[in-house]
Amino acid sequence: MAYMRPVILKLFAPRDGYDTDTSPNIKDLGLQWWLAYSSVLVLIHHFALFYLEIFRFSDFFNTFVRVLLSAIATVILILITQLLFGKSKLER
């Protein structure tokens, strides 16, 4: 996931680019952008994790359903964490 992060950030870059002191979080870049960014990264991570764990493609669709459900649950938990503990612009 760390290797894919720069590629995903370039893919989802705003037209004006990023501020140099901005981190990719909900408060700075908005909910819609953050959901797309984090969902893609979590899906990449879970896809690699689950398929390396099972190490065969014979159960592709069963494993893919597990990847999707786990990724949805993970993004929801990360979203809750961001909303509860994320720093606002005024706190920096």
C-alpha atoms as a PDB file:
ATOM      1  CA  MET A   1       0.000   0.000   0.000  1.00  0.00           C
ATOM      2  CA  ALA A   2       2.877   2.380   0.725  1.00  0.00           C
ATOM      3  CA  TYR A   3       4.258   1.907  -2.791  1.00  0.00           C
ATOM      4  CA  MET A   4       0.870   2.662  -4.335  1.00  0.00           C
ATOM      5  CA  ARG A   5       0.210   5.771  -2.219  1.00  0.00           C
ATOM      6  CA  PRO A   6       2.140   8.250  -4.444  1.00  0.00           C
ATOM      7  CA  VAL A   7       0.418   6.880  -7.548  1.00  0.00           C
ATOM      8  CA  ILE A   8      -3.026   7.182  -5.954  1.00  0.00           C
ATOM      9  CA  LEU A   9      -2.262  10.699  -4.683  1.00  0.00           C
ATOM     10  CA  LYS A  10      -1.288  11.766  -8.219  1.00  0.00           C
ATOM     11  CA  LEU A  11      -4.415  10.101  -9.599  1.00  0.00           C
ATOM     12  CA  PHE A  12      -6.729  11.918  -7.181  1.00  0.00           C
ATOM     13  CA  ALA A  13      -4.828  15.232  -7.114  1.00  0.00           C
ATOM     14  CA  PRO A  14      -7.012  18.345  -7.164  1.00  0.00           C
ATOM     15  CA  ARG A  15      -6.674  20.668 -10.165  1.00  0.00           C
ATOM     16  CA  ASP A  16      -4.753  23.232  -8.159  1.00  0.00           C
ATOM     17  CA  GLY A  17      -2.522  20.610  -6.556  1.00  0.00           C
ATOM     18  CA  TYR A  18      -1.913  20.117  -2.867  1.00  0.00           C
ATOM     19  CA  ASP A  19      -0.692  22.547  -0.259  1.00  0.00           C
ATOM     20  CA  THR A  20       2.736  21.555   0.970  1.00  0.00           C
ATOM     21  CA  ASP A  21       1.577  21.276   4.584  1.00  0.00           C
ATOM     22  CA  THR A  22      -1.648  19.341   3.871  1.00  0.00           C
ATOM     23  CA  SER A  23      -2.055  15.724   4.857  1.00  0.00           C
ATOM     24  CA  PRO A  24      -4.696  13.565   3.161  1.00  0.00           C
ATOM     25  CA  ASN A  25      -7.523  13.729   5.687  1.00  0.00           C
ATOM     26  CA  ILE A  26     -11.217  14.560   5.699  1.00  0.00           C
ATOM     27  CA  LYS A  27     -10.907  17.971   7.300  1.00  0.00           C
ATOM     28  CA  ASP A  28      -8.389  19.310   4.765  1.00  0.00           C
ATOM     29  CA  LEU A  29      -9.547  17.743   1.484  1.00  0.00           C
ATOM     30  CA  GLY A  30     -13.212  16.861   1.983  1.00  0.00           C
ATOM     31  CA  LEU A  31     -15.213  13.707   2.555  1.00  0.00           C
ATOM     32  CA  GLN A  32     -15.762  12.707  -1.092  1.00  0.00           C
ATOM     33  CA  TRP A  33     -12.072  12.971  -1.987  1.00  0.00           C
ATOM     34  CA  TRP A  34     -11.013  11.177   1.189  1.00  0.00           C
ATOM     35  CA  LEU A  35     -13.486   8.317   0.648  1.00  0.00           C
ATOM     36  CA  ALA A  36     -12.224   7.718  -2.890  1.00  0.00           C
ATOM     37  CA  TYR A  37      -8.562   7.914  -1.822  1.00  0.00           C
ATOM     38  CA  SER A  38      -8.856   5.692   1.227  1.00  0.00           C
ATOM     39  CA  SER A  39     -11.215   3.190  -0.407  1.00  0.00           C
ATOM     40  CA  VAL A  40      -8.816   2.562  -3.290  1.00  0.00           C
ATOM     41  CA  LEU A  41      -5.860   2.113  -0.948  1.00  0.00           C
ATOM     42  CA  VAL A  42      -7.788  -0.183   1.401  1.00  0.00           C
ATOM     43  CA  LEU A  43      -9.031  -2.272  -1.545  1.00  0.00           C
ATOM     44  CA  ILE A  44      -5.476  -2.660  -2.859  1.00  0.00           C
ATOM     45  CA  HIS A  45      -4.270  -3.667   0.590  1.00  0.00           C
ATOM     46  CA  HIS A  46      -7.069  -6.141   1.253  1.00  0.00           C
ATOM     47  CA  PHE A  47      -6.862  -7.629  -2.233  1.00  0.00           C
ATOM     48  CA  ALA A  48      -3.158  -8.359  -1.791  1.00  0.00           C
ATOM     49  CA  LEU A  49      -3.594  -9.560   1.785  1.00  0.00           C
ATOM     50  CA  PHE A  50      -6.463 -11.973   1.153  1.00  0.00           C
ATOM     51  CA  TYR A  51      -5.069 -13.424  -2.065  1.00  0.00           C
ATOM     52  CA  LEU A  52      -1.624 -13.910  -0.546  1.00  0.00           C
ATOM     53  CA  GLU A  53      -3.289 -15.597   2.410  1.00  0.00           C
ATOM     54  CA  ILE A  54      -5.289 -18.057   0.302  1.00  0.00           C
ATOM     55  CA  PHE A  55      -2.588 -18.234  -2.439  1.00  0.00           C
ATOM     56  CA  ARG A  56      -4.865 -19.639  -5.140  1.00  0.00           C
ATOM     57  CA  PHE A  57      -7.416 -18.286  -7.562  1.00  0.00           C
ATOM     58  CA  SER A  58      -9.745 -21.283  -7.457  1.00  0.00           C
ATOM     59  CA  ASP A  59     -11.919 -19.513  -4.862  1.00  0.00           C
ATOM     60  CA  PHE A  60     -11.639 -16.153  -6.602  1.00  0.00           C
ATOM     61  CA  PHE A  61     -15.239 -14.971  -6.130  1.00  0.00           C
ATOM     62  CA  ASN A  62     -15.548 -16.116  -2.521  1.00  0.00           C
ATOM     63  CA  THR A  63     -12.318 -14.366  -1.671  1.00  0.00           C
ATOM     64  CA  PHE A  64     -13.352 -11.269  -3.635  1.00  0.00           C
ATOM     65  CA  VAL A  65     -16.553 -11.000  -1.583  1.00  0.00           C
ATOM     66  CA  ARG A  66     -14.450 -11.262   1.578  1.00  0.00           C
ATOM     67  CA  VAL A  67     -12.163  -8.515   0.254  1.00  0.00           C
ATOM     68  CA  LEU A  68     -15.096  -6.195  -0.485  1.00  0.00           C
ATOM     69  CA  LEU A  69     -16.876  -6.754   2.825  1.00  0.00           C
ATOM     70  CA  SER A  70     -13.694  -6.390   4.827  1.00  0.00           C
ATOM     71  CA  ALA A  71     -12.699  -3.261   2.906  1.00  0.00           C
ATOM     72  CA  ILE A  72     -16.112  -1.673   3.527  1.00  0.00           C
ATOM     73  CA  ALA A  73     -15.877  -2.415   7.249  1.00  0.00           C
ATOM     74  CA  THR A  74     -12.316  -1.063   7.365  1.00  0.00           C
ATOM     75  CA  VAL A  75     -13.199   2.174   5.564  1.00  0.00           C
ATOM     76  CA  ILE A  76     -16.127   2.715   7.955  1.00  0.00           C
ATOM     77  CA  LEU A  77     -13.851   2.214  10.968  1.00  0.00           C
ATOM     78  CA  ILE A  78     -11.223   4.558   9.525  1.00  0.00           C
ATOM     79  CA  LEU A  79     -13.942   7.130   8.779  1.00  0.00           C
ATOM     80  CA  ILE A  80     -15.200   6.998  12.363  1.00  0.00           C
ATOM     81  CA  THR A  81     -11.646   7.343  13.641  1.00  0.00           C
ATOM     82  CA  GLN A  82     -10.988  10.323  11.337  1.00  0.00           C
ATOM     83  CA  LEU A  83     -14.166  12.070  12.450  1.00  0.00           C
ATOM     84  CA  LEU A  84     -13.568  11.455  16.155  1.00  0.00           C
ATOM     85  CA  PHE A  85      -9.834  12.030  16.429  1.00  0.00           C
ATOM     86  CA  GLY A  86      -8.830  14.017  13.329  1.00  0.00           C
ATOM     87  CA  LYS A  87      -7.372  17.458  13.893  1.00  0.00           C
ATOM     88  CA  SER A  88      -9.280  20.399  12.531  1.00  0.00           C
ATOM     89  CA  LYS A  89      -7.570  23.258  10.700  1.00  0.00           C
ATOM     90  CA  LEU A  90      -7.837  25.444  13.803  1.00  0.00           C
ATOM     91  CA  GLU A  91      -6.060  22.944  16.052  1.00  0.00           C
ATOM     92  CA  ARG A  92      -2.845  22.950  13.997  1.00  0.00           C
END
